[in-house]
PDB file of N, CA and C in Angstrom:
ATOM      1  N   MET A   1       6.830  11.098  -5.704  1.00  0.00           N
ATOM      2  CA  MET A   1       6.878   9.767  -6.258  1.00  0.00           C
ATOM      3  C   MET A   1       5.518   9.112  -6.034  1.00  0.00           C
ATOM      4  N   ALA A   2       5.048   8.397  -7.015  1.00  0.00           N
ATOM      5  CA  ALA A   2       3.763   7.695  -6.924  1.00  0.00           C
ATOM      6  C   ALA A   2       3.873   6.342  -7.627  1.00  0.00           C
ATOM      7  N   ARG A   3       3.042   5.419  -7.187  1.00  0.00           N
ATOM      8  CA  ARG A   3       3.031   4.085  -7.801  1.00  0.00           C
ATOM      9  C   ARG A   3       1.674   3.438  -7.562  1.00  0.00           C
ATOM     10  N   ILE A   4       1.240   2.640  -8.516  1.00  0.00           N
ATOM     11  CA  ILE A   4      -0.020   1.915  -8.398  1.00  0.00           C
ATOM     12  C   ILE A   4       0.272   0.422  -8.430  1.00  0.00           C
ATOM     13  N   PHE A   5      -0.256  -0.296  -7.430  1.00  0.00           N
ATOM     14  CA  PHE A   5      -0.163  -1.748  -7.368  1.00  0.00           C
ATOM     15  C   PHE A   5      -1.526  -2.288  -7.754  1.00  0.00           C
ATOM     16  N   LYS A   6      -1.602  -2.928  -8.904  1.00  0.00           N
ATOM     17  CA  LYS A   6      -2.874  -3.423  -9.432  1.00  0.00           C
ATOM     18  C   LYS A   6      -2.994  -4.912  -9.147  1.00  0.00           C
ATOM     19  N   PHE A   7      -4.088  -5.313  -8.484  1.00  0.00           N
ATOM     20  CA  PHE A   7      -4.327  -6.713  -8.165  1.00  0.00           C
ATOM     21  C   PHE A   7      -5.174  -7.372  -9.242  1.00  0.00           C
ATOM     22  N   ASN A   8      -6.250  -6.730  -9.619  1.00  0.00           N
ATOM     23  CA  ASN A   8      -7.094  -7.214 -10.707  1.00  0.00           C
ATOM     24  C   ASN A   8      -7.828  -6.012 -11.295  1.00  0.00           C
ATOM     25  N   ASP A   9      -8.858  -6.249 -12.085  1.00  0.00           N
ATOM     26  CA  ASP A   9      -9.565  -5.142 -12.726  1.00  0.00           C
ATOM     27  C   ASP A   9     -10.299  -4.238 -11.741  1.00  0.00           C
ATOM     28  N   LYS A  10     -10.571  -4.741 -10.537  1.00  0.00           N
ATOM     29  CA  LYS A  10     -11.354  -3.967  -9.574  1.00  0.00           C
ATOM     30  C   LYS A  10     -10.567  -3.458  -8.380  1.00  0.00           C
ATOM     31  N   ILE A  11      -9.438  -4.112  -8.051  1.00  0.00           N
ATOM     32  CA  ILE A  11      -8.731  -3.801  -6.813  1.00  0.00           C
ATOM     33  C   ILE A  11      -7.320  -3.307  -7.121  1.00  0.00           C
ATOM     34  N   GLU A  12      -6.987  -2.136  -6.566  1.00  0.00           N
ATOM     35  CA  GLU A  12      -5.629  -1.621  -6.699  1.00  0.00           C
ATOM     36  C   GLU A  12      -5.308  -0.720  -5.519  1.00  0.00           C
ATOM     37  N   ILE A  13      -4.004  -0.529  -5.288  1.00  0.00           N
ATOM     38  CA  ILE A  13      -3.530   0.342  -4.227  1.00  0.00           C
ATOM     39  C   ILE A  13      -2.694   1.449  -4.856  1.00  0.00           C
ATOM     40  N   HIS A  14      -3.043   2.694  -4.537  1.00  0.00           N
ATOM     41  CA  HIS A  14      -2.307   3.857  -5.016  1.00  0.00           C
ATOM     42  C   HIS A  14      -1.419   4.348  -3.880  1.00  0.00           C
ATOM     43  N   CYS A  15      -0.137   4.521  -4.171  1.00  0.00           N
ATOM     44  CA  CYS A  15       0.821   4.957  -3.156  1.00  0.00           C
ATOM     45  C   CYS A  15       1.484   6.260  -3.577  1.00  0.00           C
ATOM     46  N   VAL A  16       1.733   7.118  -2.591  1.00  0.00           N
ATOM     47  CA  VAL A  16       2.478   8.351  -2.820  1.00  0.00           C
ATOM     48  C   VAL A  16       3.456   8.554  -1.677  1.00  0.00           C
ATOM     49  N   SER A  17       4.498   9.304  -1.963  1.00  0.00           N
ATOM     50  CA  SER A  17       5.495   9.660  -0.966  1.00  0.00           C
ATOM     51  C   SER A  17       5.440  11.171  -0.772  1.00  0.00           C
ATOM     52  N   GLU A  18       5.485  11.614   0.480  1.00  0.00           N
ATOM     53  CA  GLU A  18       5.458  13.039   0.796  1.00  0.00           C
ATOM     54  C   GLU A  18       6.582  13.365   1.766  1.00  0.00           C
ATOM     55  N   GLY A  19       7.178  14.515   1.579  1.00  0.00           N
ATOM     56  CA  GLY A  19       8.172  14.989   2.525  1.00  0.00           C
ATOM     57  C   GLY A  19       7.490  15.522   3.769  1.00  0.00           C
ATOM     58  N   THR A  20       8.140  15.377   4.904  1.00  0.00           N
ATOM     59  CA  THR A  20       7.651  15.935   6.158  1.00  0.00           C
ATOM     60  C   THR A  20       8.761  16.773   6.777  1.00  0.00           C
ATOM     61  N   ARG A  21       8.456  17.420   7.864  1.00  0.00           N
ATOM     62  CA  ARG A  21       9.453  18.263   8.526  1.00  0.00           C
ATOM     63  C   ARG A  21      10.646  17.444   9.026  1.00  0.00           C
ATOM     64  N   TYR A  22      10.391  16.188   9.417  1.00  0.00           N
ATOM     65  CA  TYR A  22      11.458  15.383  10.023  1.00  0.00           C
ATOM     66  C   TYR A  22      11.908  14.203   9.165  1.00  0.00           C
ATOM     67  N   GLY A  23      11.349  14.029   8.004  1.00  0.00           N
ATOM     68  CA  GLY A  23      11.708  12.901   7.147  1.00  0.00           C
ATOM     69  C   GLY A  23      10.749  12.815   5.982  1.00  0.00           C
ATOM     70  N   PHE A  24      10.050  11.699   5.869  1.00  0.00           N
ATOM     71  CA  PHE A  24       9.055  11.537   4.814  1.00  0.00           C
ATOM     72  C   PHE A  24       8.047  10.484   5.238  1.00  0.00           C
ATOM     73  N   ARG A  25       6.961  10.367   4.465  1.00  0.00           N
ATOM     74  CA  ARG A  25       5.948   9.354   4.748  1.00  0.00           C
ATOM     75  C   ARG A  25       5.442   8.767   3.447  1.00  0.00           C
ATOM     76  N   HIS A  26       4.996   7.533   3.548  1.00  0.00           N
ATOM     77  CA  HIS A  26       4.341   6.844   2.446  1.00  0.00           C
ATOM     78  C   HIS A  26       2.860   6.713   2.787  1.00  0.00           C
ATOM     79  N   LEU A  27       2.016   7.070   1.844  1.00  0.00           N
ATOM     80  CA  LEU A  27       0.569   6.963   2.006  1.00  0.00           C
ATOM     81  C   LEU A  27       0.043   5.980   0.977  1.00  0.00           C
ATOM     82  N   ALA A  28      -0.867   5.119   1.383  1.00  0.00           N
ATOM     83  CA  ALA A  28      -1.459   4.128   0.484  1.00  0.00           C
ATOM     84  C   ALA A  28      -2.980   4.196   0.600  1.00  0.00           C
ATOM     85  N   THR A  29      -3.645   4.120  -0.552  1.00  0.00           N
ATOM     86  CA  THR A  29      -5.100   4.127  -0.598  1.00  0.00           C
ATOM     87  C   THR A  29      -5.569   2.907  -1.365  1.00  0.00           C
ATOM     88  N   LEU A  30      -6.467   2.138  -0.764  1.00  0.00           N
ATOM     89  CA  LEU A  30      -7.045   0.955  -1.395  1.00  0.00           C
ATOM     90  C   LEU A  30      -8.289   1.370  -2.171  1.00  0.00           C
ATOM     91  N   PHE A  31      -8.308   1.024  -3.454  1.00  0.00           N
ATOM     92  CA  PHE A  31      -9.467   1.270  -4.302  1.00  0.00           C
ATOM     93  C   PHE A  31     -10.109  -0.063  -4.665  1.00  0.00           C
ATOM     94  N   VAL A  32     -11.413  -0.155  -4.440  1.00  0.00           N
ATOM     95  CA  VAL A  32     -12.205  -1.292  -4.882  1.00  0.00           C
ATOM     96  C   VAL A  32     -13.238  -0.700  -5.830  1.00  0.00           C
ATOM     97  N   GLY A  33     -13.153  -1.094  -7.097  1.00  0.00           N
ATOM     98  CA  GLY A  33     -13.937  -0.403  -8.113  1.00  0.00           C
ATOM     99  C   GLY A  33     -13.355   0.990  -8.254  1.00  0.00           C
ATOM    100  N   ASN A  34     -14.176   1.987  -8.271  1.00  0.00           N
ATOM    101  CA  ASN A  34     -13.695   3.367  -8.359  1.00  0.00           C
ATOM    102  C   ASN A  34     -13.767   4.087  -7.027  1.00  0.00           C
ATOM    103  N   TYR A  35     -13.901   3.335  -5.941  1.00  0.00           N
ATOM    104  CA  TYR A  35     -14.076   3.928  -4.616  1.00  0.00           C
ATOM    105  C   TYR A  35     -12.852   3.682  -3.746  1.00  0.00           C
ATOM    106  N   ASP A  36     -12.375   4.745  -3.085  1.00  0.00           N
ATOM    107  CA  ASP A  36     -11.312   4.535  -2.103  1.00  0.00           C
ATOM    108  C   ASP A  36     -11.977   4.094  -0.800  1.00  0.00           C
ATOM    109  N   VAL A  37     -11.573   2.931  -0.329  1.00  0.00           N
ATOM    110  CA  VAL A  37     -12.260   2.299   0.790  1.00  0.00           C
ATOM    111  C   VAL A  37     -11.412   2.188   2.056  1.00  0.00           C
ATOM    112  N   ASP A  38     -10.096   2.366   1.940  1.00  0.00           N
ATOM    113  CA  ASP A  38      -9.237   2.262   3.114  1.00  0.00           C
ATOM    114  C   ASP A  38      -7.921   2.969   2.836  1.00  0.00           C
ATOM    115  N   LYS A  39      -7.236   3.371   3.913  1.00  0.00           N
ATOM    116  CA  LYS A  39      -5.967   4.082   3.796  1.00  0.00           C
ATOM    117  C   LYS A  39      -4.999   3.592   4.866  1.00  0.00           C
ATOM    118  N   ALA A  40      -3.709   3.790   4.587  1.00  0.00           N
ATOM    119  CA  ALA A  40      -2.660   3.493   5.570  1.00  0.00           C
ATOM    120  C   ALA A  40      -1.509   4.462   5.337  1.00  0.00           C
ATOM    121  N   LYS A  41      -0.673   4.650   6.360  1.00  0.00           N
ATOM    122  CA  LYS A  41       0.509   5.490   6.199  1.00  0.00           C
ATOM    123  C   LYS A  41       1.647   4.946   7.048  1.00  0.00           C
ATOM    124  N   CYS A  42       2.849   5.198   6.598  1.00  0.00           N
ATOM    125  CA  CYS A  42       4.062   4.875   7.342  1.00  0.00           C
ATOM    126  C   CYS A  42       4.950   6.107   7.323  1.00  0.00           C
ATOM    127  N   CYS A  43       5.411   6.529   8.489  1.00  0.00           N
ATOM    128  CA  CYS A  43       6.296   7.687   8.597  1.00  0.00           C
ATOM    129  C   CYS A  43       7.718   7.205   8.822  1.00  0.00           C
ATOM    130  N   TYR A  44       8.665   7.893   8.185  1.00  0.00           N
ATOM    131  CA  TYR A  44      10.073   7.514   8.271  1.00  0.00           C
ATOM    132  C   TYR A  44      10.897   8.720   8.699  1.00  0.00           C
ATOM    133  N   TYR A  45      11.775   8.496   9.667  1.00  0.00           N
ATOM    134  CA  TYR A  45      12.703   9.535  10.085  1.00  0.00           C
ATOM    135  C   TYR A  45      14.084   9.232   9.530  1.00  0.00           C
ATOM    136  N   ASN A  46      14.364   7.976   9.331  1.00  0.00           N
ATOM    137  CA  ASN A  46      15.562   7.508   8.647  1.00  0.00           C
ATOM    138  C   ASN A  46      15.087   6.504   7.614  1.00  0.00           C
ATOM    139  N   ARG A  47      15.739   6.424   6.511  1.00  0.00           N
ATOM    140  CA  ARG A  47      15.340   5.477   5.471  1.00  0.00           C
ATOM    141  C   ARG A  47      15.566   4.068   5.975  1.00  0.00           C
ATOM    142  N   THR A  48      14.528   3.247   5.878  1.00  0.00           N
ATOM    143  CA  THR A  48      14.650   1.849   6.261  1.00  0.00           C
ATOM    144  C   THR A  48      14.735   1.000   5.002  1.00  0.00           C
ATOM    145  N   TRP A  49      15.211  -0.208   5.165  1.00  0.00           N
ATOM    146  CA  TRP A  49      15.347  -1.095   4.029  1.00  0.00           C
ATOM    147  C   TRP A  49      14.011  -1.726   3.698  1.00  0.00           C
ATOM    148  N   GLU A  50      13.669  -1.724   2.423  1.00  0.00           N
ATOM    149  CA  GLU A  50      12.479  -2.405   1.929  1.00  0.00           C
ATOM    150  C   GLU A  50      12.870  -3.102   0.641  1.00  0.00           C
ATOM    151  N   SER A  51      12.310  -4.284   0.417  1.00  0.00           N
ATOM    152  CA  SER A  51      12.682  -5.015  -0.798  1.00  0.00           C
ATOM    153  C   SER A  51      12.094  -4.368  -2.046  1.00  0.00           C
ATOM    154  N   PHE A  52      11.008  -3.605  -1.896  1.00  0.00           N
ATOM    155  CA  PHE A  52      10.497  -2.795  -2.992  1.00  0.00           C
ATOM    156  C   PHE A  52       9.902  -1.522  -2.411  1.00  0.00           C
ATOM    157  N   GLU A  53       9.850  -0.470  -3.197  1.00  0.00           N
ATOM    158  CA  GLU A  53       9.333   0.820  -2.751  1.00  0.00           C
ATOM    159  C   GLU A  53       7.885   0.674  -2.277  1.00  0.00           C
ATOM    160  N   PHE A  54       7.554   1.258  -1.150  1.00  0.00           N
ATOM    161  CA  PHE A  54       6.221   1.244  -0.538  1.00  0.00           C
ATOM    162  C   PHE A  54       5.868  -0.103   0.101  1.00  0.00           C
ATOM    163  N   GLN A  55       6.822  -0.994   0.292  1.00  0.00           N
ATOM    164  CA  GLN A  55       6.546  -2.320   0.844  1.00  0.00           C
ATOM    165  C   GLN A  55       5.805  -2.246   2.176  1.00  0.00           C
ATOM    166  N   SER A  56       6.300  -1.479   3.121  1.00  0.00           N
ATOM    167  CA  SER A  56       5.710  -1.456   4.463  1.00  0.00           C
ATOM    168  C   SER A  56       4.283  -0.936   4.456  1.00  0.00           C
ATOM    169  N   VAL A  57       4.036   0.151   3.770  1.00  0.00           N
ATOM    170  CA  VAL A  57       2.698   0.746   3.786  1.00  0.00           C
ATOM    171  C   VAL A  57       1.692  -0.129   3.041  1.00  0.00           C
ATOM    172  N   VAL A  58       2.103  -0.759   1.949  1.00  0.00           N
ATOM    173  CA  VAL A  58       1.197  -1.640   1.204  1.00  0.00           C
ATOM    174  C   VAL A  58       0.836  -2.866   2.048  1.00  0.00           C
ATOM    175  N   LEU A  59       1.816  -3.480   2.669  1.00  0.00           N
ATOM    176  CA  LEU A  59       1.536  -4.652   3.496  1.00  0.00           C
ATOM    177  C   LEU A  59       0.688  -4.289   4.709  1.00  0.00           C
ATOM    178  N   ASN A  60       0.935  -3.128   5.319  1.00  0.00           N
ATOM    179  CA  ASN A  60       0.096  -2.681   6.437  1.00  0.00           C
ATOM    180  C   ASN A  60      -1.350  -2.522   5.991  1.00  0.00           C
ATOM    181  N   LEU A  61      -1.550  -1.924   4.838  1.00  0.00           N
ATOM    182  CA  LEU A  61      -2.902  -1.717   4.337  1.00  0.00           C
ATOM    183  C   LEU A  61      -3.591  -3.044   4.029  1.00  0.00           C
ATOM    184  N   ILE A  62      -2.882  -3.958   3.386  1.00  0.00           N
ATOM    185  CA  ILE A  62      -3.461  -5.266   3.058  1.00  0.00           C
ATOM    186  C   ILE A  62      -3.883  -5.998   4.337  1.00  0.00           C
ATOM    187  N   HIS A  63      -3.029  -5.972   5.344  1.00  0.00           N
ATOM    188  CA  HIS A  63      -3.314  -6.716   6.574  1.00  0.00           C
ATOM    189  C   HIS A  63      -4.425  -6.094   7.402  1.00  0.00           C
ATOM    190  N   LYS A  64      -4.557  -4.772   7.392  1.00  0.00           N
ATOM    191  CA  LYS A  64      -5.548  -4.129   8.265  1.00  0.00           C
ATOM    192  C   LYS A  64      -6.932  -3.985   7.650  1.00  0.00           C
ATOM    193  N   THR A  65      -7.035  -3.995   6.340  1.00  0.00           N
ATOM    194  CA  THR A  65      -8.324  -3.685   5.718  1.00  0.00           C
ATOM    195  C   THR A  65      -9.355  -4.786   5.939  1.00  0.00           C
ATOM    196  N   THR A  66     -10.601  -4.375   6.003  1.00  0.00           N
ATOM    197  CA  THR A  66     -11.706  -5.321   6.086  1.00  0.00           C
ATOM    198  C   THR A  66     -12.415  -5.449   4.740  1.00  0.00           C
ATOM    199  N   HIS A  67     -11.886  -4.779   3.725  1.00  0.00           N
ATOM    200  CA  HIS A  67     -12.510  -4.755   2.407  1.00  0.00           C
ATOM    201  C   HIS A  67     -11.974  -5.835   1.469  1.00  0.00           C
ATOM    202  N   LEU A  68     -11.021  -6.629   1.961  1.00  0.00           N
ATOM    203  CA  LEU A  68     -10.519  -7.781   1.213  1.00  0.00           C
ATOM    204  C   LEU A  68     -10.745  -9.022   2.058  1.00  0.00           C
ATOM    205  N   ASN A  69     -11.117 -10.123   1.419  1.00  0.00           N
ATOM    206  CA  ASN A  69     -11.260 -11.359   2.182  1.00  0.00           C
ATOM    207  C   ASN A  69      -9.886 -11.989   2.394  1.00  0.00           C
ATOM    208  N   ALA A  70      -9.821 -13.029   3.182  1.00  0.00           N
ATOM    209  CA  ALA A  70      -8.531 -13.646   3.542  1.00  0.00           C
ATOM    210  C   ALA A  70      -7.765 -14.129   2.316  1.00  0.00           C
ATOM    211  N   GLN A  71      -8.456 -14.753   1.373  1.00  0.00           N
ATOM    212  CA  GLN A  71      -7.767 -15.256   0.177  1.00  0.00           C
ATOM    213  C   GLN A  71      -7.262 -14.116  -0.696  1.00  0.00           C
ATOM    214  N   GLU A  72      -8.025 -13.039  -0.822  1.00  0.00           N
ATOM    215  CA  GLU A  72      -7.568 -11.876  -1.596  1.00  0.00           C
ATOM    216  C   GLU A  72      -6.324 -11.267  -0.966  1.00  0.00           C
ATOM    217  N   LYS A  73      -6.288 -11.211   0.354  1.00  0.00           N
ATOM    218  CA  LYS A  73      -5.104 -10.687   1.038  1.00  0.00           C
ATOM    219  C   LYS A  73      -3.879 -11.538   0.742  1.00  0.00           C
ATOM    220  N   ILE A  74      -4.026 -12.845   0.823  1.00  0.00           N
ATOM    221  CA  ILE A  74      -2.912 -13.770   0.535  1.00  0.00           C
ATOM    222  C   ILE A  74      -2.460 -13.617  -0.906  1.00  0.00           C
ATOM    223  N   ASP A  75      -3.414 -13.608  -1.825  1.00  0.00           N
ATOM    224  CA  ASP A  75      -3.085 -13.512  -3.250  1.00  0.00           C
ATOM    225  C   ASP A  75      -2.454 -12.158  -3.599  1.00  0.00           C
ATOM    226  N   PHE A  76      -2.961 -11.076  -3.033  1.00  0.00           N
ATOM    227  CA  PHE A  76      -2.429  -9.755  -3.313  1.00  0.00           C
ATOM    228  C   PHE A  76      -0.990  -9.660  -2.809  1.00  0.00           C
ATOM    229  N   GLU A  77      -0.756 -10.137  -1.602  1.00  0.00           N
ATOM    230  CA  GLU A  77       0.606 -10.101  -1.047  1.00  0.00           C
ATOM    231  C   GLU A  77       1.548 -10.950  -1.898  1.00  0.00           C
ATOM    232  N   ALA A  78       1.098 -12.122  -2.332  1.00  0.00           N
ATOM    233  CA  ALA A  78       1.938 -12.979  -3.182  1.00  0.00           C
ATOM    234  C   ALA A  78       2.244 -12.301  -4.515  1.00  0.00           C
ATOM    235  N   SER A  79       1.288 -11.565  -5.057  1.00  0.00           N
ATOM    236  CA  SER A  79       1.504 -10.903  -6.344  1.00  0.00           C
ATOM    237  C   SER A  79       2.549  -9.797  -6.251  1.00  0.00           C
ATOM    238  N   LEU A  80       2.750  -9.255  -5.069  1.00  0.00           N
ATOM    239  CA  LEU A  80       3.746  -8.197  -4.893  1.00  0.00           C
ATOM    240  C   LEU A  80       5.171  -8.726  -5.002  1.00  0.00           C
ATOM    241  N   HIS A  81       5.371  -9.987  -4.716  1.00  0.00           N
ATOM    242  CA  HIS A  81       6.710 -10.567  -4.686  1.00  0.00           C
ATOM    243  C   HIS A  81       7.117 -11.225  -6.007  1.00  0.00           C
ATOM    244  N   ARG A  82       6.289 -11.087  -7.017  1.00  0.00           N
ATOM    245  CA  ARG A  82       6.638 -11.665  -8.328  1.00  0.00           C
ATOM    246  C   ARG A  82       7.510 -10.737  -9.121  1.00  0.00           C
TER     247      ARG A  82
END
């Protein structure tokens, strides 16, 4: 499974899901322009509740990255809930 969260023409997050020996994991990569600049992952042993697919890994990436300014982080997170 894969999904792309597009913020604007330059910023997007690509997410994929992979099976593991004990469950699965979600991987997220932040792209600014055509460059991948940051990554995050969340591992799951039991399925947890999320309001949308990849919620935890996307929010972790948004909060930890230094490649987005504070307002971009707020706006990107708000755009996910629309």
